Structure formats: structure tokens, C-alpha cells
Amino acid sequence: MSTLTHNSMTNHHVPGLIQQVSETLHLWHERYRTRRELTQWTARDLQDVGLSWSDIAFEADKPFWRA
């Protein structure tokens, strides 16, 4: 008879799953934050990095889950 219990078999990957979910949530938050920050840049800021207002609008309009 097996010494493994049902719980030990089903919870084996939970720590890795929790870490993946945490990393995904962090990435989504960073995308949201940086896209909102881009909308606050001045024309000079955009010129310095070679972006246009349309570039910023395109990026800022993306949902946080889209790269």
C-alpha cells in the first residue's frame, strides 16, 4: 500500500504555483504603473527618448495583462 496521501500528491506544486501567480501579479502591477507614468511625461521627455504622443497613447491604452 502506498504511503503517499492524497493531500501530499495534490499540494506538491502549490508553492511553485503561488510564486508564479505572485510574479504575474507583480508584472501586471508594474505594467499598469509604468503606463500611467508615461501619460505624465512632457513633450521634452518624449523627445529625449524618441517617442511621440501617439506612441504613448498606444501603450497606455493597452490592458495591463497585454505585453
Protein backbone atom coordinates (compact mmCIF):
# COMPACT_ATOMS: atom_id res chain seq x y z
CA MET A 1 0.00 0.00 0.00
CA SER A 2 1.25 3.46 -0.85
CA THR A 3 2.47 5.75 1.93
CA LEU A 4 1.56 8.88 -0.04
CA THR A 5 -1.64 10.59 0.94
CA HIS A 6 -4.00 12.36 -1.36
CA ASN A 7 -3.04 15.76 0.13
CA SER A 8 0.68 15.30 -0.36
CA MET A 9 0.16 14.44 -4.01
CA THR A 10 -2.20 17.32 -4.81
CA ASN A 11 -0.28 20.02 -2.88
CA HIS A 12 3.09 19.17 -4.38
CA HIS A 13 3.08 22.08 -6.87
CA VAL A 14 1.26 24.67 -4.75
CA PRO A 15 4.38 26.67 -3.68
CA GLY A 16 5.50 26.98 -7.30
CA LEU A 17 2.01 27.96 -8.39
CA ILE A 18 1.81 30.61 -5.68
CA GLN A 19 5.16 32.03 -6.79
CA GLN A 20 4.03 32.12 -10.44
CA VAL A 21 0.81 33.90 -9.52
CA SER A 22 2.74 36.37 -7.37
CA GLU A 23 5.21 37.11 -10.17
CA THR A 24 2.39 37.58 -12.68
CA LEU A 25 0.54 39.98 -10.38
CA HIS A 26 3.75 41.94 -9.82
CA LEU A 27 4.36 42.17 -13.58
CA TRP A 28 0.78 43.34 -14.20
CA HIS A 29 1.11 45.99 -11.49
CA GLU A 30 4.38 47.25 -12.99
CA ARG A 31 2.83 47.47 -16.46
CA TYR A 32 -0.12 49.41 -15.07
CA ARG A 33 2.13 51.76 -13.09
CA THR A 34 4.60 52.48 -15.88
CA ARG A 35 1.88 53.01 -18.48
CA ARG A 36 0.17 55.54 -16.20
CA GLU A 37 3.55 57.20 -15.60
CA LEU A 38 4.14 57.53 -19.35
CA THR A 39 0.98 59.60 -19.68
CA GLN A 40 2.54 62.19 -17.35
CA TRP A 41 5.67 62.73 -19.44
CA THR A 42 6.28 66.12 -21.03
CA ALA A 43 6.91 66.76 -24.71
CA ARG A 44 10.59 67.21 -23.81
CA ASP A 45 10.69 63.80 -22.08
CA LEU A 46 9.18 62.18 -25.14
CA GLN A 47 11.62 63.93 -27.46
CA ASP A 48 14.56 62.79 -25.32
CA VAL A 49 13.61 59.12 -25.73
CA GLY A 50 12.30 59.40 -29.29
CA LEU A 51 8.63 58.74 -28.60
CA SER A 52 5.53 60.54 -29.81
CA TRP A 53 2.20 61.19 -28.12
CA SER A 54 0.65 58.54 -30.36
CA ASP A 55 3.25 56.02 -29.13
CA ILE A 56 2.31 56.86 -25.55
CA ALA A 57 -1.43 56.67 -26.27
CA PHE A 58 -0.99 53.27 -27.93
CA GLU A 59 0.98 51.91 -24.96
CA ALA A 60 -1.22 53.49 -22.28
CA ASP A 61 -4.41 52.13 -23.84
CA LYS A 62 -3.25 48.53 -23.58
CA PRO A 63 -4.76 46.48 -20.76
CA PHE A 64 -2.30 45.59 -18.01
CA TRP A 65 -2.25 41.92 -18.95
CA ARG A 66 -1.06 42.61 -22.51
CA ALA A 67 2.69 42.99 -23.11
